[in-house]
Amino acid sequence: MAATANKLVENKELEGVSSVLRALAHPLRIKIISFIDSNKKINVNKIYKSLRLEQSIASQHLRILRDDKLVIATRSGKFIFYTVNYKRIEQISRTLGHFFG
């Protein structure tokens, strides 16, 4: 019984990792995460202006990254700032390491 429960937890974790890997499969999203990482905390306007993206394109990709919890959005007045969710990335890395061990 415990083995079945562990298998279910493992499968759920792998499904989450799979979703994250799909989110990271797009080169522009990797570029956005890298840009946020290099700036630590950055306003959404700076992201799309610095990367020379249309605002709608940047928002679409940021939404995908937010949905998979790879970035954290915080509002300060009328501005939205993004940071990389390092805890989530570490969790994904551990799960992949465990799976591919």
PDB file of N, CA and C in Angstrom:
ATOM      1  N   MET A   1       0.824  -1.194   0.000  1.00  0.00           N
ATOM      2  CA  MET A   1       0.000   0.000   0.000  1.00  0.00           C
ATOM      3  C   MET A   1       0.867   1.258   0.000  1.00  0.00           C
ATOM      4  N   ALA A   2       1.923   1.281   0.828  1.00  0.00           N
ATOM      5  CA  ALA A   2       2.810   2.445   0.893  1.00  0.00           C
ATOM      6  C   ALA A   2       3.530   2.656  -0.434  1.00  0.00           C
ATOM      7  N   ALA A   3       3.899   1.565  -1.102  1.00  0.00           N
ATOM      8  CA  ALA A   3       4.577   1.672  -2.396  1.00  0.00           C
ATOM      9  C   ALA A   3       3.659   2.328  -3.425  1.00  0.00           C
ATOM     10  N   THR A   4       2.368   1.990  -3.384  1.00  0.00           N
ATOM     11  CA  THR A   4       1.399   2.593  -4.302  1.00  0.00           C
ATOM     12  C   THR A   4       1.256   4.082  -4.018  1.00  0.00           C
ATOM     13  N   ALA A   5       1.192   4.460  -2.750  1.00  0.00           N
ATOM     14  CA  ALA A   5       1.078   5.870  -2.372  1.00  0.00           C
ATOM     15  C   ALA A   5       2.323   6.637  -2.812  1.00  0.00           C
ATOM     16  N   ASN A   6       3.494   6.032  -2.610  1.00  0.00           N
ATOM     17  CA  ASN A   6       4.731   6.685  -3.042  1.00  0.00           C
ATOM     18  C   ASN A   6       4.761   6.869  -4.550  1.00  0.00           C
ATOM     19  N   LYS A   7       4.268   5.878  -5.278  1.00  0.00           N
ATOM     20  CA  LYS A   7       4.233   5.928  -6.737  1.00  0.00           C
ATOM     21  C   LYS A   7       3.318   7.058  -7.204  1.00  0.00           C
ATOM     22  N   LEU A   8       2.169   7.238  -6.504  1.00  0.00           N
ATOM     23  CA  LEU A   8       1.242   8.310  -6.859  1.00  0.00           C
ATOM     24  C   LEU A   8       1.877   9.679  -6.636  1.00  0.00           C
ATOM     25  N   VAL A   9       2.575   9.823  -5.516  1.00  0.00           N
ATOM     26  CA  VAL A   9       3.258  11.082  -5.222  1.00  0.00           C
ATOM     27  C   VAL A   9       4.332  11.337  -6.272  1.00  0.00           C
ATOM     28  N   GLU A  10       5.097  10.296  -6.598  1.00  0.00           N
ATOM     29  CA  GLU A  10       6.151  10.424  -7.594  1.00  0.00           C
ATOM     30  C   GLU A  10       5.566  10.815  -8.951  1.00  0.00           C
ATOM     31  N   ASN A  11       4.472  10.176  -9.343  1.00  0.00           N
ATOM     32  CA  ASN A  11       3.832  10.498 -10.622  1.00  0.00           C
ATOM     33  C   ASN A  11       3.335  11.939 -10.642  1.00  0.00           C
ATOM     34  N   LYS A  12       2.771  12.401  -9.539  1.00  0.00           N
ATOM     35  CA  LYS A  12       2.283  13.786  -9.452  1.00  0.00           C
ATOM     36  C   LYS A  12       3.451  14.764  -9.583  1.00  0.00           C
ATOM     37  N   GLU A  13       4.557  14.465  -8.911  1.00  0.00           N
ATOM     38  CA  GLU A  13       5.746  15.316  -9.008  1.00  0.00           C
ATOM     39  C   GLU A  13       6.260  15.351 -10.441  1.00  0.00           C
ATOM     40  N   LEU A  14       6.287  14.197 -11.094  1.00  0.00           N
ATOM     41  CA  LEU A  14       6.770  14.129 -12.475  1.00  0.00           C
ATOM     42  C   LEU A  14       5.849  14.876 -13.433  1.00  0.00           C
ATOM     43  N   GLU A  15       4.551  14.858 -13.170  1.00  0.00           N
ATOM     44  CA  GLU A  15       3.623  15.630 -13.994  1.00  0.00           C
ATOM     45  C   GLU A  15       3.920  17.118 -13.853  1.00  0.00           C
ATOM     46  N   GLY A  16       4.194  17.554 -12.629  1.00  0.00           N
ATOM     47  CA  GLY A  16       4.551  18.956 -12.393  1.00  0.00           C
ATOM     48  C   GLY A  16       5.840  19.329 -13.101  1.00  0.00           C
ATOM     49  N   VAL A  17       6.816  18.446 -13.038  1.00  0.00           N
ATOM     50  CA  VAL A  17       8.093  18.682 -13.710  1.00  0.00           C
ATOM     51  C   VAL A  17       7.883  18.737 -15.220  1.00  0.00           C
ATOM     52  N   SER A  18       7.054  17.855 -15.720  1.00  0.00           N
ATOM     53  CA  SER A  18       6.765  17.820 -17.150  1.00  0.00           C
ATOM     54  C   SER A  18       6.180  19.151 -17.619  1.00  0.00           C
ATOM     55  N   SER A  19       5.270  19.706 -16.845  1.00  0.00           N
ATOM     56  CA  SER A  19       4.671  20.996 -17.178  1.00  0.00           C
ATOM     57  C   SER A  19       5.728  22.100 -17.195  1.00  0.00           C
ATOM     58  N   VAL A  20       6.614  22.073 -16.220  1.00  0.00           N
ATOM     59  CA  VAL A  20       7.684  23.066 -16.144  1.00  0.00           C
ATOM     60  C   VAL A  20       8.626  22.931 -17.334  1.00  0.00           C
ATOM     61  N   LEU A  21       8.950  21.702 -17.698  1.00  0.00           N
ATOM     62  CA  LEU A  21       9.837  21.495 -18.840  1.00  0.00           C
ATOM     63  C   LEU A  21       9.203  21.995 -20.131  1.00  0.00           C
ATOM     64  N   ARG A  22       7.892  21.844 -20.252  1.00  0.00           N
ATOM     65  CA  ARG A  22       7.201  22.402 -21.421  1.00  0.00           C
ATOM     66  C   ARG A  22       7.295  23.918 -21.412  1.00  0.00           C
ATOM     67  N   ALA A  23       7.156  24.526 -20.235  1.00  0.00           N
ATOM     68  CA  ALA A  23       7.257  25.984 -20.124  1.00  0.00           C
ATOM     69  C   ALA A  23       8.656  26.458 -20.501  1.00  0.00           C
ATOM     70  N   LEU A  24       9.657  25.672 -20.139  1.00  0.00           N
ATOM     71  CA  LEU A  24      11.044  26.054 -20.420  1.00  0.00           C
ATOM     72  C   LEU A  24      11.492  25.675 -21.830  1.00  0.00           C
ATOM     73  N   ALA A  25      10.659  24.967 -22.553  1.00  0.00           N
ATOM     74  CA  ALA A  25      11.043  24.501 -23.884  1.00  0.00           C
ATOM     75  C   ALA A  25      11.080  25.631 -24.915  1.00  0.00           C
ATOM     76  N   HIS A  26      10.541  26.778 -24.576  1.00  0.00           N
ATOM     77  CA  HIS A  26      10.520  27.897 -25.516  1.00  0.00           C
ATOM     78  C   HIS A  26      11.740  28.792 -25.267  1.00  0.00           C
ATOM     79  N   PRO A  27      12.546  29.042 -26.287  1.00  0.00           N
ATOM     80  CA  PRO A  27      13.772  29.849 -26.114  1.00  0.00           C
ATOM     81  C   PRO A  27      13.512  31.240 -25.541  1.00  0.00           C
ATOM     82  N   LEU A  28      12.394  31.853 -25.902  1.00  0.00           N
ATOM     83  CA  LEU A  28      12.109  33.196 -25.389  1.00  0.00           C
ATOM     84  C   LEU A  28      11.844  33.167 -23.889  1.00  0.00           C
ATOM     85  N   ARG A  29      11.187  32.119 -23.409  1.00  0.00           N
ATOM     86  CA  ARG A  29      10.931  32.033 -21.964  1.00  0.00           C
ATOM     87  C   ARG A  29      12.232  31.816 -21.195  1.00  0.00           C
ATOM     88  N   ILE A  30      13.145  31.058 -21.756  1.00  0.00           N
ATOM     89  CA  ILE A  30      14.457  30.891 -21.118  1.00  0.00           C
ATOM     90  C   ILE A  30      15.181  32.236 -21.087  1.00  0.00           C
ATOM     91  N   LYS A  31      15.086  32.982 -22.176  1.00  0.00           N
ATOM     92  CA  LYS A  31      15.710  34.311 -22.245  1.00  0.00           C
ATOM     93  C   LYS A  31      15.101  35.247 -21.199  1.00  0.00           C
ATOM     94  N   ILE A  32      13.788  35.191 -21.033  1.00  0.00           N
ATOM     95  CA  ILE A  32      13.116  36.038 -20.041  1.00  0.00           C
ATOM     96  C   ILE A  32      13.558  35.666 -18.632  1.00  0.00           C
ATOM     97  N   ILE A  33      13.587  34.372 -18.315  1.00  0.00           N
ATOM     98  CA  ILE A  33      14.025  33.951 -16.975  1.00  0.00           C
ATOM     99  C   ILE A  33      15.468  34.377 -16.734  1.00  0.00           C
ATOM    100  N   SER A  34      16.321  34.204 -17.710  1.00  0.00           N
ATOM    101  CA  SER A  34      17.718  34.603 -17.586  1.00  0.00           C
ATOM    102  C   SER A  34      17.834  36.103 -17.346  1.00  0.00           C
ATOM    103  N   PHE A  35      17.032  36.877 -18.050  1.00  0.00           N
ATOM    104  CA  PHE A  35      17.050  38.333 -17.888  1.00  0.00           C
ATOM    105  C   PHE A  35      16.582  38.726 -16.487  1.00  0.00           C
ATOM    106  N   ILE A  36      15.515  38.101 -16.020  1.00  0.00           N
ATOM    107  CA  ILE A  36      15.027  38.380 -14.667  1.00  0.00           C
ATOM    108  C   ILE A  36      16.096  37.998 -13.649  1.00  0.00           C
ATOM    109  N   ASP A  37      16.712  36.838 -13.830  1.00  0.00           N
ATOM    110  CA  ASP A  37      17.762  36.373 -12.924  1.00  0.00           C
ATOM    111  C   ASP A  37      18.917  37.375 -12.862  1.00  0.00           C
ATOM    112  N   SER A  38      19.326  37.881 -14.000  1.00  0.00           N
ATOM    113  CA  SER A  38      20.467  38.810 -14.019  1.00  0.00           C
ATOM    114  C   SER A  38      20.129  40.150 -13.368  1.00  0.00           C
ATOM    115  N   ASN A  39      18.847  40.463 -13.265  1.00  0.00           N
ATOM    116  CA  ASN A  39      18.422  41.727 -12.652  1.00  0.00           C
ATOM    117  C   ASN A  39      17.847  41.549 -11.250  1.00  0.00           C
ATOM    118  N   LYS A  40      17.714  40.313 -10.805  1.00  0.00           N
ATOM    119  CA  LYS A  40      17.177  39.930  -9.490  1.00  0.00           C
ATOM    120  C   LYS A  40      15.696  40.264  -9.333  1.00  0.00           C
ATOM    121  N   LYS A  41      15.300  41.517  -9.521  1.00  0.00           N
ATOM    122  CA  LYS A  41      13.900  41.938  -9.432  1.00  0.00           C
ATOM    123  C   LYS A  41      13.718  43.026 -10.473  1.00  0.00           C
ATOM    124  N   ILE A  42      12.746  42.825 -11.358  1.00  0.00           N
ATOM    125  CA  ILE A  42      12.616  43.773 -12.460  1.00  0.00           C
ATOM    126  C   ILE A  42      11.160  44.011 -12.821  1.00  0.00           C
ATOM    127  N   ASN A  43      10.884  45.232 -13.195  1.00  0.00           N
ATOM    128  CA  ASN A  43       9.565  45.674 -13.610  1.00  0.00           C
ATOM    129  C   ASN A  43       9.225  45.075 -14.967  1.00  0.00           C
ATOM    130  N   VAL A  44       7.975  44.704 -15.143  1.00  0.00           N
ATOM    131  CA  VAL A  44       7.536  44.090 -16.391  1.00  0.00           C
ATOM    132  C   VAL A  44       7.807  44.994 -17.596  1.00  0.00           C
ATOM    133  N   ASN A  45       7.683  46.295 -17.423  1.00  0.00           N
ATOM    134  CA  ASN A  45       7.952  47.221 -18.533  1.00  0.00           C
ATOM    135  C   ASN A  45       9.407  47.140 -18.983  1.00  0.00           C
ATOM    136  N   LYS A  46      10.313  47.022 -18.029  1.00  0.00           N
ATOM    137  CA  LYS A  46      11.738  46.889 -18.361  1.00  0.00           C
ATOM    138  C   LYS A  46      12.007  45.582 -19.100  1.00  0.00           C
ATOM    139  N   ILE A  47      11.274  44.536 -18.741  1.00  0.00           N
ATOM    140  CA  ILE A  47      11.474  43.236 -19.394  1.00  0.00           C
ATOM    141  C   ILE A  47      11.173  43.356 -20.872  1.00  0.00           C
ATOM    142  N   TYR A  48       9.982  43.828 -21.198  1.00  0.00           N
ATOM    143  CA  TYR A  48       9.638  43.836 -22.622  1.00  0.00           C
ATOM    144  C   TYR A  48      10.376  44.912 -23.401  1.00  0.00           C
ATOM    145  N   LYS A  49      10.697  46.036 -22.758  1.00  0.00           N
ATOM    146  CA  LYS A  49      11.461  47.067 -23.475  1.00  0.00           C
ATOM    147  C   LYS A  49      12.908  46.634 -23.688  1.00  0.00           C
ATOM    148  N   SER A  50      13.531  46.069 -22.667  1.00  0.00           N
ATOM    149  CA  SER A  50      14.933  45.648 -22.773  1.00  0.00           C
ATOM    150  C   SER A  50      15.110  44.491 -23.751  1.00  0.00           C
ATOM    151  N   LEU A  51      14.141  43.582 -23.771  1.00  0.00           N
ATOM    152  CA  LEU A  51      14.227  42.431 -24.669  1.00  0.00           C
ATOM    153  C   LEU A  51      13.601  42.720 -26.035  1.00  0.00           C
ATOM    154  N   ARG A  52      13.122  43.950 -26.190  1.00  0.00           N
ATOM    155  CA  ARG A  52      12.508  44.404 -27.453  1.00  0.00           C
ATOM    156  C   ARG A  52      11.368  43.484 -27.890  1.00  0.00           C
ATOM    157  N   LEU A  53      10.449  43.286 -26.961  1.00  0.00           N
ATOM    158  CA  LEU A  53       9.271  42.455 -27.217  1.00  0.00           C
ATOM    159  C   LEU A  53       8.031  43.334 -27.204  1.00  0.00           C
ATOM    160  N   GLU A  54       7.010  42.891 -27.903  1.00  0.00           N
ATOM    161  CA  GLU A  54       5.720  43.550 -27.753  1.00  0.00           C
ATOM    162  C   GLU A  54       5.205  43.218 -26.361  1.00  0.00           C
ATOM    163  N   GLN A  55       4.501  44.163 -25.762  1.00  0.00           N
ATOM    164  CA  GLN A  55       4.001  43.981 -24.410  1.00  0.00           C
ATOM    165  C   GLN A  55       3.120  42.734 -24.320  1.00  0.00           C
ATOM    166  N   SER A  56       2.281  42.497 -25.306  1.00  0.00           N
ATOM    167  CA  SER A  56       1.373  41.346 -25.273  1.00  0.00           C
ATOM    168  C   SER A  56       2.138  40.025 -25.332  1.00  0.00           C
ATOM    169  N   ILE A  57       3.215  39.992 -26.106  1.00  0.00           N
ATOM    170  CA  ILE A  57       4.038  38.771 -26.200  1.00  0.00           C
ATOM    171  C   ILE A  57       4.723  38.501 -24.865  1.00  0.00           C
ATOM    172  N   ALA A  58       5.307  39.547 -24.287  1.00  0.00           N
ATOM    173  CA  ALA A  58       5.969  39.391 -22.982  1.00  0.00           C
ATOM    174  C   ALA A  58       4.970  38.915 -21.935  1.00  0.00           C
ATOM    175  N   SER A  59       3.789  39.502 -21.921  1.00  0.00           N
ATOM    176  CA  SER A  59       2.767  39.120 -20.936  1.00  0.00           C
ATOM    177  C   SER A  59       2.342  37.675 -21.104  1.00  0.00           C
ATOM    178  N   GLN A  60       2.198  37.239 -22.331  1.00  0.00           N
ATOM    179  CA  GLN A  60       1.799  35.849 -22.596  1.00  0.00           C
ATOM    180  C   GLN A  60       2.841  34.872 -22.050  1.00  0.00           C
ATOM    181  N   HIS A  61       4.106  35.139 -22.308  1.00  0.00           N
ATOM    182  CA  HIS A  61       5.167  34.243 -21.846  1.00  0.00           C
ATOM    183  C   HIS A  61       5.341  34.322 -20.329  1.00  0.00           C
ATOM    184  N   LEU A  62       5.200  35.513 -19.771  1.00  0.00           N
ATOM    185  CA  LEU A  62       5.299  35.661 -18.316  1.00  0.00           C
ATOM    186  C   LEU A  62       4.156  34.916 -17.621  1.00  0.00           C
ATOM    187  N   ARG A  63       2.973  34.913 -18.221  1.00  0.00           N
ATOM    188  CA  ARG A  63       1.844  34.184 -17.639  1.00  0.00           C
ATOM    189  C   ARG A  63       2.153  32.686 -17.565  1.00  0.00           C
ATOM    190  N   ILE A  64       2.738  32.154 -18.610  1.00  0.00           N
ATOM    191  CA  ILE A  64       3.098  30.728 -18.618  1.00  0.00           C
ATOM    192  C   ILE A  64       4.127  30.446 -17.522  1.00  0.00           C
ATOM    193  N   LEU A  65       5.104  31.321 -17.378  1.00  0.00           N
ATOM    194  CA  LEU A  65       6.123  31.149 -16.336  1.00  0.00           C
ATOM    195  C   LEU A  65       5.512  31.280 -14.939  1.00  0.00           C
ATOM    196  N   ARG A  66       4.561  32.200 -14.777  1.00  0.00           N
ATOM    197  CA  ARG A  66       3.863  32.356 -13.490  1.00  0.00           C
ATOM    198  C   ARG A  66       3.016  31.126 -13.188  1.00  0.00           C
ATOM    199  N   ASP A  67       2.291  30.632 -14.198  1.00  0.00           N
ATOM    200  CA  ASP A  67       1.421  29.472 -13.985  1.00  0.00           C
ATOM    201  C   ASP A  67       2.198  28.253 -13.491  1.00  0.00           C
ATOM    202  N   ASP A  68       3.430  28.103 -13.956  1.00  0.00           N
ATOM    203  CA  ASP A  68       4.272  26.995 -13.493  1.00  0.00           C
ATOM    204  C   ASP A  68       5.148  27.385 -12.310  1.00  0.00           C
ATOM    205  N   LYS A  69       4.891  28.565 -11.774  1.00  0.00           N
ATOM    206  CA  LYS A  69       5.558  29.064 -10.564  1.00  0.00           C
ATOM    207  C   LYS A  69       7.077  29.190 -10.717  1.00  0.00           C
ATOM    208  N   LEU A  70       7.521  29.463 -11.952  1.00  0.00           N
ATOM    209  CA  LEU A  70       8.952  29.665 -12.196  1.00  0.00           C
ATOM    210  C   LEU A  70       9.376  31.094 -11.895  1.00  0.00           C
ATOM    211  N   VAL A  71       8.424  32.003 -11.958  1.00  0.00           N
ATOM    212  CA  VAL A  71       8.676  33.391 -11.574  1.00  0.00           C
ATOM    213  C   VAL A  71       7.592  33.821 -10.600  1.00  0.00           C
ATOM    214  N   ILE A  72       7.919  34.815  -9.813  1.00  0.00           N
ATOM    215  CA  ILE A  72       6.985  35.366  -8.837  1.00  0.00           C
ATOM    216  C   ILE A  72       6.714  36.810  -9.232  1.00  0.00           C
ATOM    217  N   ALA A  73       5.434  37.145  -9.326  1.00  0.00           N
ATOM    218  CA  ALA A  73       5.029  38.512  -9.654  1.00  0.00           C
ATOM    219  C   ALA A  73       4.545  39.199  -8.377  1.00  0.00           C
ATOM    220  N   THR A  74       5.044  40.394  -8.131  1.00  0.00           N
ATOM    221  CA  THR A  74       4.579  41.181  -6.990  1.00  0.00           C
ATOM    222  C   THR A  74       4.205  42.563  -7.492  1.00  0.00           C
ATOM    223  N   ARG A  75       3.119  43.070  -6.950  1.00  0.00           N
ATOM    224  CA  ARG A  75       2.641  44.384  -7.349  1.00  0.00           C
ATOM    225  C   ARG A  75       3.094  45.415  -6.326  1.00  0.00           C
ATOM    226  N   SER A  76       3.574  46.537  -6.844  1.00  0.00           N
ATOM    227  CA  SER A  76       3.946  47.670  -6.000  1.00  0.00           C
ATOM    228  C   SER A  76       3.319  48.900  -6.644  1.00  0.00           C
ATOM    229  N   GLY A  77       2.180  49.300  -6.108  1.00  0.00           N
ATOM    230  CA  GLY A  77       1.429  50.389  -6.726  1.00  0.00           C
ATOM    231  C   GLY A  77       0.900  49.939  -8.074  1.00  0.00           C
ATOM    232  N   LYS A  78       1.220  50.695  -9.112  1.00  0.00           N
ATOM    233  CA  LYS A  78       0.747  50.307 -10.449  1.00  0.00           C
ATOM    234  C   LYS A  78       1.756  49.449 -11.201  1.00  0.00           C
ATOM    235  N   PHE A  79       2.880  49.113 -10.560  1.00  0.00           N
ATOM    236  CA  PHE A  79       3.937  48.352 -11.219  1.00  0.00           C
ATOM    237  C   PHE A  79       3.935  46.893 -10.770  1.00  0.00           C
ATOM    238  N   ILE A  80       4.277  46.010 -11.701  1.00  0.00           N
ATOM    239  CA  ILE A  80       4.436  44.588 -11.397  1.00  0.00           C
ATOM    240  C   ILE A  80       5.905  44.243 -11.573  1.00  0.00           C
ATOM    241  N   PHE A  81       6.469  43.634 -10.538  1.00  0.00           N
ATOM    242  CA  PHE A  81       7.869  43.229 -10.560  1.00  0.00           C
ATOM    243  C   PHE A  81       7.949  41.709 -10.581  1.00  0.00           C
ATOM    244  N   TYR A  82       8.968  41.208 -11.253  1.00  0.00           N
ATOM    245  CA  TYR A  82       9.181  39.771 -11.355  1.00  0.00           C
ATOM    246  C   TYR A  82      10.515  39.378 -10.739  1.00  0.00           C
ATOM    247  N   THR A  83      10.499  38.233 -10.083  1.00  0.00           N
ATOM    248  CA  THR A  83      11.718  37.602  -9.567  1.00  0.00           C
ATOM    249  C   THR A  83      11.659  36.122  -9.947  1.00  0.00           C
ATOM    250  N   VAL A  84      12.823  35.500 -10.005  1.00  0.00           N
ATOM    251  CA  VAL A  84      12.890  34.067 -10.275  1.00  0.00           C
ATOM    252  C   VAL A  84      12.531  33.325  -8.998  1.00  0.00           C
ATOM    253  N   ASN A  85      11.733  32.279  -9.109  1.00  0.00           N
ATOM    254  CA  ASN A  85      11.354  31.451  -7.966  1.00  0.00           C
ATOM    255  C   ASN A  85      12.392  30.340  -7.823  1.00  0.00           C
ATOM    256  N   TYR A  86      13.472  30.650  -7.127  1.00  0.00           N
ATOM    257  CA  TYR A  86      14.579  29.705  -6.992  1.00  0.00           C
ATOM    258  C   TYR A  86      14.181  28.448  -6.228  1.00  0.00           C
ATOM    259  N   LYS A  87      13.269  28.579  -5.275  1.00  0.00           N
ATOM    260  CA  LYS A  87      12.817  27.397  -4.530  1.00  0.00           C
ATOM    261  C   LYS A  87      12.138  26.406  -5.470  1.00  0.00           C
ATOM    262  N   ARG A  88      11.328  26.909  -6.384  1.00  0.00           N
ATOM    263  CA  ARG A  88      10.639  26.044  -7.346  1.00  0.00           C
ATOM    264  C   ARG A  88      11.646  25.369  -8.280  1.00  0.00           C
ATOM    265  N   ILE A  89      12.622  26.118  -8.733  1.00  0.00           N
ATOM    266  CA  ILE A  89      13.632  25.566  -9.630  1.00  0.00           C
ATOM    267  C   ILE A  89      14.443  24.491  -8.909  1.00  0.00           C
ATOM    268  N   GLU A  90      14.754  24.728  -7.647  1.00  0.00           N
ATOM    269  CA  GLU A  90      15.478  23.731  -6.856  1.00  0.00           C
ATOM    270  C   GLU A  90      14.637  22.469  -6.682  1.00  0.00           C
ATOM    271  N   GLN A  91      13.344  22.643  -6.442  1.00  0.00           N
ATOM    272  CA  GLN A  91      12.434  21.504  -6.290  1.00  0.00           C
ATOM    273  C   GLN A  91      12.395  20.680  -7.577  1.00  0.00           C
ATOM    274  N   ILE A  92      12.316  21.341  -8.705  1.00  0.00           N
ATOM    275  CA  ILE A  92      12.291  20.656 -10.001  1.00  0.00           C
ATOM    276  C   ILE A  92      13.608  19.908 -10.219  1.00  0.00           C
ATOM    277  N   SER A  93      14.692  20.554  -9.887  1.00  0.00           N
ATOM    278  CA  SER A  93      16.009  19.942 -10.045  1.00  0.00           C
ATOM    279  C   SER A  93      16.133  18.676  -9.194  1.00  0.00           C
ATOM    280  N   ARG A  94      15.656  18.734  -7.947  1.00  0.00           N
ATOM    281  CA  ARG A  94      15.702  17.562  -7.063  1.00  0.00           C
ATOM    282  C   ARG A  94      14.856  16.428  -7.619  1.00  0.00           C
ATOM    283  N   THR A  95      13.660  16.765  -8.108  1.00  0.00           N
ATOM    284  CA  THR A  95      12.780  15.736  -8.655  1.00  0.00           C
ATOM    285  C   THR A  95      13.403  15.077  -9.869  1.00  0.00           C
ATOM    286  N   LEU A  96      13.975  15.876 -10.747  1.00  0.00           N
ATOM    287  CA  LEU A  96      14.639  15.314 -11.930  1.00  0.00           C
ATOM    288  C   LEU A  96      15.851  14.462 -11.530  1.00  0.00           C
ATOM    289  N   GLY A  97      16.610  14.952 -10.539  1.00  0.00           N
ATOM    290  CA  GLY A  97      17.755  14.196 -10.055  1.00  0.00           C
ATOM    291  C   GLY A  97      17.345  12.860  -9.471  1.00  0.00           C
ATOM    292  N   HIS A  98      16.248  12.871  -8.737  1.00  0.00           N
ATOM    293  CA  HIS A  98      15.732  11.630  -8.136  1.00  0.00           C
ATOM    294  C   HIS A  98      15.278  10.670  -9.229  1.00  0.00           C
ATOM    295  N   PHE A  99      14.590  11.207 -10.224  1.00  0.00           N
ATOM    296  CA  PHE A  99      14.070  10.370 -11.295  1.00  0.00           C
ATOM    297  C   PHE A  99      15.175   9.782 -12.163  1.00  0.00           C
ATOM    298  N   PHE A 100      16.164  10.630 -12.521  1.00  0.00           N
ATOM    299  CA  PHE A 100      17.229  10.183 -13.399  1.00  0.00           C
ATOM    300  C   PHE A 100      18.419   9.633 -12.630  1.00  0.00           C
ATOM    301  N   GLY A 101      18.423   9.932 -11.303  1.00  0.00           N
ATOM    302  CA  GLY A 101      19.402   9.494 -10.337  1.00  0.00           C
ATOM    303  C   GLY A 101      20.626   8.914 -10.847  1.00  0.00           C
TER     304      GLY A 101
END
